Amino acid sequence: MGWRREPCRRAAILLLALIAPALSGSAGDSDLPPQLHDLETLSPHSGWPVWLKDYHTSTRTFETSAITYLGRDREMRRCFFLADDVGVLHFCRIAQEGDTGRVDLRLEPVRFHPQFFDRVGDVERWDFEALALDLPPVAVRDAPVPDSLTGFLSIEGHGPDFLDQMRILHIRLTRENEDADWVLESLGDAIPDAHFWDAAARPNRGMEGLAVTPQILFLGLESLEARGDLNLKGSMLYLYDRQAGTVAQLHTYPFRIHSICGLEAVADSVVVLVDRNRQSIFVLRMRAGEPGRLRASYQVPLDLPAPDGFRYGVPSVEGLTVDDAGDFWCVTDPWKGHYRPMGAAPESLHVYLAAEMPMIYRFPGGPVWEAAGLSDLWRKR
């Protein structure tokens, strides 16, 4: 096992295959296989989940698949961007008094700059699946949300020409001031002429996780299996070095990860992902200075009730972000025909599930960071 070169339309990109837990090299800690840890099931904070609906304006989301945390607004509300499979973005503000009371959720539209249509007009279906922004690490994100942000947006491919429809865009989001709407622009392909994922991607099986640090753009493939197949292959995590123009890949199945449906990079060596198929969060610790070489993996099963504690099936948890206190936030992309109450439930739950209303969850991060030996990242909080 070792490094290998794979054809790519951009000569500057070298695909570095890290399929095995450890690569050949000098003896020592770097040759030890990664440690796999099973943590206790994580339940949502009090008051969670809630429906992704703004009751002030009756605005809702549809098939929500991505969430990314921005910071706090002037009223100290947590701010997020949400991306939907139907080609829509929302700006979301959330307040919860004392972090225990009723949740107040606001949704605001994100408009498209006219040039976005020009640059992405050849994509027949705008299936937005992942979103990541160039921001300081969440653990030190104290500054107000800026009025101009750059980042990355994944569009999943469909149909016989799915590879041509699949895009990883470099984007800009801007607003005139805190009270104005956000506007989305495309800055072109994030990695021009790169198609290192071609051999692994499938129709409706594209990049469902994106995360970014100043050094690395992480790209998470949903699954190596075709839709409907039993998952025996897991997924692939790609690590694109933004300065060197090199790409590494980490095959996830040896680490019991079946799917990647959301990513957050806390640091170059700490990545969190949500595995929809296993209804779990995984915290991956990589070897310092060696992105892609896994040191340890922590699996955290998720308790996924409906609002008010009722049960439903089947939870389709997608999208993941981490806030400035280290808490995990996830959204759901309802499975059509598989979104039904279990047992006794109020009529309101039947109505919302029938309407395929997405949910948003908030999970406490403290126990997970402590178990992973990463509490110091959030100590000042």
Protein backbone atom coordinates (compact mmCIF):
# COMPACT_ATOMS: atom_id res chain seq x y z
CA MET A 1 0.00 0.00 0.00
CA GLY A 2 1.27 3.50 -0.68
CA TRP A 3 0.95 6.49 -2.90
CA ARG A 4 -0.40 6.15 -6.43
CA ARG A 5 -1.09 8.47 -9.32
CA GLU A 6 -4.48 8.44 -11.01
CA PRO A 7 -5.47 10.14 -14.29
CA CYS A 8 -6.99 13.59 -13.88
CA ARG A 9 -7.82 16.40 -16.28
CA ARG A 10 -5.74 18.79 -14.24
CA ALA A 11 -2.06 17.91 -14.22
CA ALA A 12 -1.42 19.71 -10.94
CA ILE A 13 -3.65 17.30 -9.01
CA LEU A 14 -2.14 14.14 -7.57
CA LEU A 15 -4.53 11.57 -6.14
CA LEU A 16 -3.03 10.05 -3.01
CA ALA A 17 -4.81 6.83 -2.04
CA LEU A 18 -4.96 6.22 1.69
CA ILE A 19 -7.12 3.12 1.60
CA ALA A 20 -5.38 1.27 4.44
CA PRO A 21 -5.44 2.47 8.07
CA ALA A 22 -1.67 2.97 7.96
CA LEU A 23 0.79 3.38 5.13
CA SER A 24 4.28 2.03 4.75
CA GLY A 25 6.94 4.08 6.41
CA SER A 26 9.15 4.23 9.45
CA ALA A 27 8.16 2.33 12.57
CA GLY A 28 6.40 4.19 15.36
CA ASP A 29 3.01 5.57 16.26
CA SER A 30 2.22 6.48 12.65
CA ASP A 31 2.21 2.75 11.79
CA LEU A 32 -0.32 1.81 14.44
CA PRO A 33 -3.87 1.15 13.19
CA PRO A 34 -6.47 3.73 14.21
CA GLN A 35 -8.40 3.15 17.40
CA LEU A 36 -12.17 2.71 16.99
CA HIS A 37 -14.29 3.88 19.93
CA ASP A 38 -18.01 3.43 20.61
CA LEU A 39 -19.54 6.22 22.68
CA GLU A 40 -22.92 6.35 24.40
CA THR A 41 -26.05 7.36 22.49
CA LEU A 42 -26.44 11.13 22.31
CA SER A 43 -29.88 12.63 22.95
CA PRO A 44 -30.95 16.12 21.81
CA HIS A 45 -30.92 19.16 24.07
CA SER A 46 -34.16 20.00 25.84
CA GLY A 47 -36.68 21.50 23.41
CA TRP A 48 -35.22 19.74 20.36
CA PRO A 49 -35.79 18.85 17.59
CA VAL A 50 -38.07 21.46 16.08
CA TRP A 51 -39.72 21.68 12.68
CA LEU A 52 -37.89 23.73 10.08
CA LYS A 53 -40.71 26.22 9.85
CA ASP A 54 -40.80 29.95 10.62
CA TYR A 55 -44.15 30.41 12.36
CA HIS A 56 -43.85 34.19 12.03
CA THR A 57 -44.00 34.07 8.22
CA SER A 58 -45.17 30.46 7.56
CA THR A 59 -41.92 29.90 5.61
CA ARG A 60 -40.63 26.32 5.62
CA THR A 61 -37.82 24.32 4.05
CA PHE A 62 -38.08 21.31 1.71
CA GLU A 63 -35.77 18.28 1.66
CA THR A 64 -33.12 20.05 3.74
CA SER A 65 -29.74 18.41 3.27
CA ALA A 66 -27.08 20.86 4.52
CA ILE A 67 -26.49 23.22 7.41
CA THR A 68 -23.50 25.41 8.23
CA TYR A 69 -22.96 27.63 11.26
CA LEU A 70 -21.95 31.28 10.74
CA GLY A 71 -21.83 32.80 14.22
CA ARG A 72 -24.09 35.17 16.18
CA ASP A 73 -26.03 38.24 15.11
CA ARG A 74 -26.34 41.48 17.10
CA GLU A 75 -29.07 39.89 19.25
CA MET A 76 -26.80 36.88 19.93
CA ARG A 77 -29.02 34.55 17.93
CA ARG A 78 -27.20 31.64 16.32
CA CYS A 79 -27.03 32.03 12.54
CA PHE A 80 -26.92 29.31 9.91
CA PHE A 81 -27.29 28.72 6.20
CA LEU A 82 -29.51 25.83 5.14
CA ALA A 83 -29.45 24.17 1.72
CA ASP A 84 -32.32 22.17 0.22
CA ASP A 85 -32.33 19.41 -2.41
CA VAL A 86 -34.77 21.51 -4.42
CA GLY A 87 -32.17 24.21 -5.17
CA VAL A 88 -32.97 26.69 -2.39
CA LEU A 89 -30.89 28.31 0.35
CA HIS A 90 -32.22 29.90 3.54
CA PHE A 91 -30.59 32.10 6.16
CA CYS A 92 -31.71 30.86 9.58
CA ARG A 93 -31.58 32.61 12.96
CA ILE A 94 -32.28 30.63 16.15
CA ALA A 95 -32.82 31.81 19.71
CA GLN A 96 -33.56 29.72 22.77
CA GLU A 97 -33.85 31.55 26.06
CA GLY A 98 -31.46 30.02 28.53
CA ASP A 99 -30.94 27.21 26.03
CA THR A 100 -33.81 25.38 27.74
CA GLY A 101 -37.03 27.17 26.77
CA ARG A 102 -39.06 27.50 23.59
CA VAL A 103 -37.09 27.74 20.37
CA ASP A 104 -37.65 30.78 18.16
CA LEU A 105 -36.62 30.03 14.56
CA ARG A 106 -36.56 32.57 11.73
CA LEU A 107 -36.06 31.77 8.03
CA GLU A 108 -35.03 34.38 5.48
CA PRO A 109 -34.69 33.90 1.71
CA VAL A 110 -31.35 33.78 -0.07
CA ARG A 111 -31.60 35.33 -3.52
CA PHE A 112 -29.63 34.30 -6.60
CA HIS A 113 -27.42 36.80 -8.38
CA PRO A 114 -28.28 36.83 -12.13
CA GLN A 115 -24.80 35.52 -12.99
CA PHE A 116 -25.50 32.38 -10.92
CA PHE A 117 -28.03 31.34 -13.55
CA ASP A 118 -25.50 32.03 -16.31
CA ARG A 119 -22.79 29.90 -14.70
CA VAL A 120 -24.96 27.02 -13.49
CA GLY A 121 -27.63 27.10 -16.18
CA ASP A 122 -26.33 23.89 -17.77
CA VAL A 123 -27.18 21.91 -14.60
CA GLU A 124 -30.69 20.57 -15.16
CA ARG A 125 -31.49 19.89 -11.51
CA TRP A 126 -30.15 22.10 -8.74
CA ASP A 127 -29.86 19.42 -6.07
CA PHE A 128 -27.94 21.29 -3.35
CA GLU A 129 -26.38 18.74 -1.01
CA ALA A 130 -23.50 20.32 0.92
CA LEU A 131 -22.31 23.78 1.90
CA ALA A 132 -19.12 24.97 3.60
CA LEU A 133 -17.82 28.49 4.26
CA ASP A 134 -14.37 30.01 4.68
CA LEU A 135 -14.60 31.21 8.29
CA PRO A 136 -12.35 31.09 11.37
CA PRO A 137 -12.55 27.81 13.32
CA VAL A 138 -15.82 27.55 15.24
CA ALA A 139 -14.06 27.38 18.60
CA VAL A 140 -12.73 30.93 18.15
CA ARG A 141 -15.53 32.44 16.07
CA ASP A 142 -16.26 35.53 18.19
CA ALA A 143 -16.59 38.20 15.51
CA PRO A 144 -20.03 39.21 14.18
CA VAL A 145 -21.20 37.50 11.00
CA PRO A 146 -19.53 39.38 8.12
CA ASP A 147 -21.57 40.75 5.21
CA SER A 148 -19.47 38.91 2.61
CA LEU A 149 -18.53 35.24 2.73
CA THR A 150 -16.91 32.80 0.35
CA GLY A 151 -17.31 29.06 0.41
CA PHE A 152 -18.25 25.93 -1.48
CA LEU A 153 -21.53 24.38 -2.63
CA SER A 154 -22.09 20.83 -3.89
CA ILE A 155 -24.68 20.01 -6.56
CA GLU A 156 -25.48 16.31 -6.96
CA GLY A 157 -25.74 14.79 -10.43
CA HIS A 158 -28.71 12.84 -11.79
CA GLY A 159 -29.57 10.88 -14.92
CA PRO A 160 -27.30 9.22 -17.48
CA ASP A 161 -25.05 12.31 -17.69
CA PHE A 162 -24.80 12.67 -13.92
CA LEU A 163 -21.04 13.32 -13.93
CA ASP A 164 -21.49 16.33 -16.20
CA GLN A 165 -24.27 17.58 -13.91
CA MET A 166 -22.27 17.10 -10.71
CA ARG A 167 -20.59 20.34 -9.58
CA ILE A 168 -18.51 21.59 -6.67
CA LEU A 169 -18.84 25.37 -6.86
CA HIS A 170 -16.77 28.13 -5.36
CA ILE A 171 -19.38 30.63 -4.16
CA ARG A 172 -19.79 34.05 -2.59
CA LEU A 173 -22.65 35.13 -0.30
CA THR A 174 -23.14 38.85 0.29
CA ARG A 175 -25.64 41.25 1.86
CA GLU A 176 -25.76 45.02 2.13
CA ASN A 177 -26.28 44.98 5.89
CA GLU A 178 -27.62 42.73 8.64
CA ASP A 179 -31.23 43.50 7.73
CA ALA A 180 -30.86 42.83 3.98
CA ASP A 181 -31.29 39.56 2.10
CA TRP A 182 -28.27 37.43 1.30
CA VAL A 183 -27.35 37.01 -2.38
CA LEU A 184 -25.63 33.92 -3.81
CA GLU A 185 -23.01 34.18 -6.57
CA SER A 186 -20.98 31.49 -8.33
CA LEU A 187 -17.22 32.02 -8.65
CA GLY A 188 -16.83 28.98 -10.90
CA ASP A 189 -15.72 25.42 -10.19
CA ALA A 190 -13.96 24.95 -6.87
CA ILE A 191 -11.28 22.71 -8.42
CA PRO A 192 -11.31 23.45 -12.16
CA ASP A 193 -11.03 20.42 -14.44
CA ALA A 194 -10.76 18.00 -11.51
CA HIS A 195 -12.73 14.78 -11.78
CA PHE A 196 -10.91 12.53 -9.33
CA TRP A 197 -14.29 11.37 -8.00
CA ASP A 198 -15.54 10.04 -11.35
CA ALA A 199 -14.81 6.38 -10.64
CA ALA A 200 -16.62 6.44 -7.30
CA ALA A 201 -19.65 8.71 -7.85
CA ARG A 202 -23.06 7.38 -8.91
CA PRO A 203 -26.35 8.99 -9.99
CA ASN A 204 -27.83 10.64 -6.89
CA ARG A 205 -24.69 9.58 -5.03
CA GLY A 206 -22.46 12.63 -5.06
CA MET A 207 -20.68 14.86 -2.55
CA GLU A 208 -23.05 15.24 0.39
CA GLY A 209 -20.43 16.56 2.76
CA LEU A 210 -18.16 19.60 2.44
CA ALA A 211 -15.92 21.15 5.08
CA VAL A 212 -13.06 23.60 4.82
CA THR A 213 -10.03 24.84 6.70
CA PRO A 214 -7.39 27.28 5.40
CA GLN A 215 -5.35 24.27 4.25
CA ILE A 216 -7.87 21.59 3.27
CA LEU A 217 -11.19 21.23 1.48
CA PHE A 218 -12.85 18.01 2.67
CA LEU A 219 -15.32 16.33 0.31
CA GLY A 220 -17.50 13.46 1.52
CA LEU A 221 -19.06 11.07 -1.00
CA GLU A 222 -22.48 9.89 0.15
CA SER A 223 -21.84 6.21 -0.59
CA LEU A 224 -19.95 3.87 -2.89
CA GLU A 225 -23.10 1.77 -3.35
CA ALA A 226 -25.85 2.46 -5.86
CA ARG A 227 -29.16 3.58 -4.38
CA GLY A 228 -31.09 0.64 -2.91
CA ASP A 229 -28.09 -1.68 -2.61
CA LEU A 230 -26.97 -3.15 0.70
CA ASN A 231 -24.02 -1.09 1.87
CA LEU A 232 -20.93 -3.28 1.83
CA LYS A 233 -18.46 -0.70 0.54
CA GLY A 234 -18.87 2.36 2.74
CA SER A 235 -17.94 5.76 1.38
CA MET A 236 -14.96 7.93 0.49
CA LEU A 237 -13.58 11.03 2.18
CA TYR A 238 -11.42 13.21 -0.09
CA LEU A 239 -8.94 15.78 1.24
CA TYR A 240 -7.91 18.47 -1.24
CA ASP A 241 -4.83 20.46 -0.23
CA ARG A 242 -5.70 23.98 -1.30
CA GLN A 243 -2.09 25.16 -1.48
CA ALA A 244 -0.36 22.12 -2.98
CA GLY A 245 -3.20 21.12 -5.33
CA THR A 246 -3.03 17.48 -4.17
CA VAL A 247 -5.85 15.16 -3.19
CA ALA A 248 -5.91 12.29 -0.71
CA GLN A 249 -8.74 9.82 -0.23
CA LEU A 250 -9.76 7.81 2.81
CA HIS A 251 -11.96 4.75 2.36
CA THR A 252 -14.40 4.78 5.29
CA TYR A 253 -15.70 1.20 5.46
CA PRO A 254 -12.79 -0.12 7.59
CA PHE A 255 -13.83 2.48 10.17
CA ARG A 256 -17.51 1.35 10.14
CA ILE A 257 -18.71 4.48 8.33
CA HIS A 258 -21.34 3.57 5.73
CA SER A 259 -22.36 6.99 4.41
CA ILE A 260 -21.29 10.65 4.59
CA CYS A 261 -24.19 13.09 4.59
CA GLY A 262 -22.63 16.05 6.36
CA LEU A 263 -19.16 17.26 7.39
CA GLU A 264 -17.59 19.81 9.71
CA ALA A 265 -13.85 20.46 10.02
CA VAL A 266 -12.94 21.65 13.51
CA ALA A 267 -9.25 21.64 12.51
CA ASP A 268 -7.04 20.14 9.81
CA SER A 269 -6.74 17.05 12.01
CA VAL A 270 -10.29 16.92 13.47
CA VAL A 271 -13.30 16.20 11.25
CA VAL A 272 -16.88 15.39 12.24
CA LEU A 273 -19.31 13.63 9.93
CA VAL A 274 -22.88 12.38 10.10
CA ASP A 275 -23.60 8.88 8.80
CA ARG A 276 -27.26 8.80 7.82
CA ASN A 277 -27.28 5.04 7.26
CA ARG A 278 -25.99 4.32 10.76
CA GLN A 279 -27.80 7.28 12.38
CA SER A 280 -24.53 8.27 14.03
CA ILE A 281 -21.98 11.04 14.27
CA PHE A 282 -18.32 10.15 13.85
CA VAL A 283 -15.45 12.26 15.19
CA LEU A 284 -12.26 11.53 13.23
CA ARG A 285 -8.89 12.47 14.72
CA MET A 286 -6.10 12.45 12.18
CA ARG A 287 -2.40 12.44 12.85
CA ALA A 288 -1.02 15.94 13.34
CA GLY A 289 0.66 17.14 10.18
CA GLU A 290 -0.56 14.09 8.25
CA PRO A 291 -4.09 14.82 6.99
CA GLY A 292 -5.75 11.61 5.85
CA ARG A 293 -3.89 9.33 8.28
CA LEU A 294 -6.50 8.37 10.84
CA ARG A 295 -5.46 8.23 14.49
CA ALA A 296 -8.85 7.47 16.07
CA SER A 297 -12.54 7.34 15.24
CA TYR A 298 -15.36 7.90 17.72
CA GLN A 299 -18.85 6.69 16.81
CA VAL A 300 -21.75 8.45 18.54
CA PRO A 301 -25.21 6.91 17.94
CA LEU A 302 -27.96 9.52 17.78
CA ASP A 303 -31.31 9.45 19.56
CA LEU A 304 -33.67 10.86 16.91
CA PRO A 305 -37.16 11.58 18.26
CA ALA A 306 -39.73 13.82 16.62
CA PRO A 307 -40.67 17.15 18.26
CA ASP A 308 -42.12 16.73 21.76
CA GLY A 309 -40.48 13.31 22.09
CA PHE A 310 -42.76 11.29 19.82
CA ARG A 311 -41.23 8.61 17.61
CA TYR A 312 -41.27 8.36 13.84
CA GLY A 313 -39.65 6.36 11.06
CA VAL A 314 -37.44 6.57 9.23
CA PRO A 315 -35.13 9.36 10.49
CA SER A 316 -33.04 10.59 7.57
CA VAL A 317 -30.50 12.77 9.32
CA GLU A 318 -28.38 14.81 6.94
CA GLY A 319 -26.32 17.94 7.20
CA LEU A 320 -24.03 18.63 10.14
CA THR A 321 -22.42 21.67 11.69
CA VAL A 322 -20.80 22.57 15.00
CA ASP A 323 -21.47 25.84 16.81
CA ASP A 324 -19.12 28.02 18.86
CA ALA A 325 -19.92 26.07 22.04
CA GLY A 326 -19.11 22.72 20.44
CA ASP A 327 -22.71 21.54 20.08
CA PHE A 328 -23.72 19.46 17.04
CA TRP A 329 -26.58 20.56 14.77
CA CYS A 330 -28.22 18.27 12.19
CA VAL A 331 -31.13 18.57 9.77
CA THR A 332 -33.34 15.95 8.15
CA ASP A 333 -34.08 15.30 4.50
CA PRO A 334 -37.32 13.28 4.73
CA TRP A 335 -37.44 10.01 2.80
CA LYS A 336 -40.51 10.12 0.63
CA GLY A 337 -42.90 7.36 1.74
CA HIS A 338 -40.81 6.58 4.84
CA TYR A 339 -41.71 9.44 7.16
CA ARG A 340 -44.46 8.21 9.44
CA PRO A 341 -45.36 8.28 13.16
CA MET A 342 -44.73 5.23 15.31
CA GLY A 343 -47.23 4.40 18.02
CA ALA A 344 -49.64 6.90 19.53
CA ALA A 345 -49.08 10.41 18.18
CA PRO A 346 -51.05 13.68 18.00
CA GLU A 347 -52.74 14.70 14.79
CA SER A 348 -50.24 17.52 14.34
CA LEU A 349 -47.40 14.99 14.02
CA HIS A 350 -49.34 13.08 11.35
CA VAL A 351 -49.89 16.33 9.44
CA TYR A 352 -46.26 17.52 9.58
CA LEU A 353 -44.85 14.13 8.63
CA ALA A 354 -47.32 13.82 5.76
CA ALA A 355 -46.16 17.25 4.58
CA GLU A 356 -42.54 15.97 4.77
CA MET A 357 -41.50 18.86 6.97
CA PRO A 358 -37.76 18.70 7.77
CA MET A 359 -36.50 18.94 11.35
CA ILE A 360 -33.46 20.48 12.99
CA TYR A 361 -31.68 18.83 15.93
CA ARG A 362 -29.26 20.21 18.48
CA PHE A 363 -27.06 17.79 20.42
CA PRO A 364 -24.71 18.54 23.33
CA GLY A 365 -21.09 18.30 22.25
CA GLY A 366 -19.41 18.35 25.66
CA PRO A 367 -19.53 14.60 26.40
CA VAL A 368 -18.23 13.76 22.93
CA TRP A 369 -15.32 16.21 22.99
CA GLU A 370 -14.34 15.00 26.46
CA ALA A 371 -14.39 11.35 25.37
CA ALA A 372 -12.30 12.21 22.30
CA GLY A 373 -9.75 14.12 24.38
CA LEU A 374 -10.61 17.40 22.65
CA SER A 375 -12.24 19.40 25.44
CA ASP A 376 -9.45 21.98 25.29
CA LEU A 377 -10.81 23.14 21.93
CA TRP A 378 -13.83 24.56 23.76
CA ARG A 379 -12.36 25.25 27.21
CA LYS A 380 -12.87 29.02 27.03
CA ARG A 381 -16.57 28.48 26.38
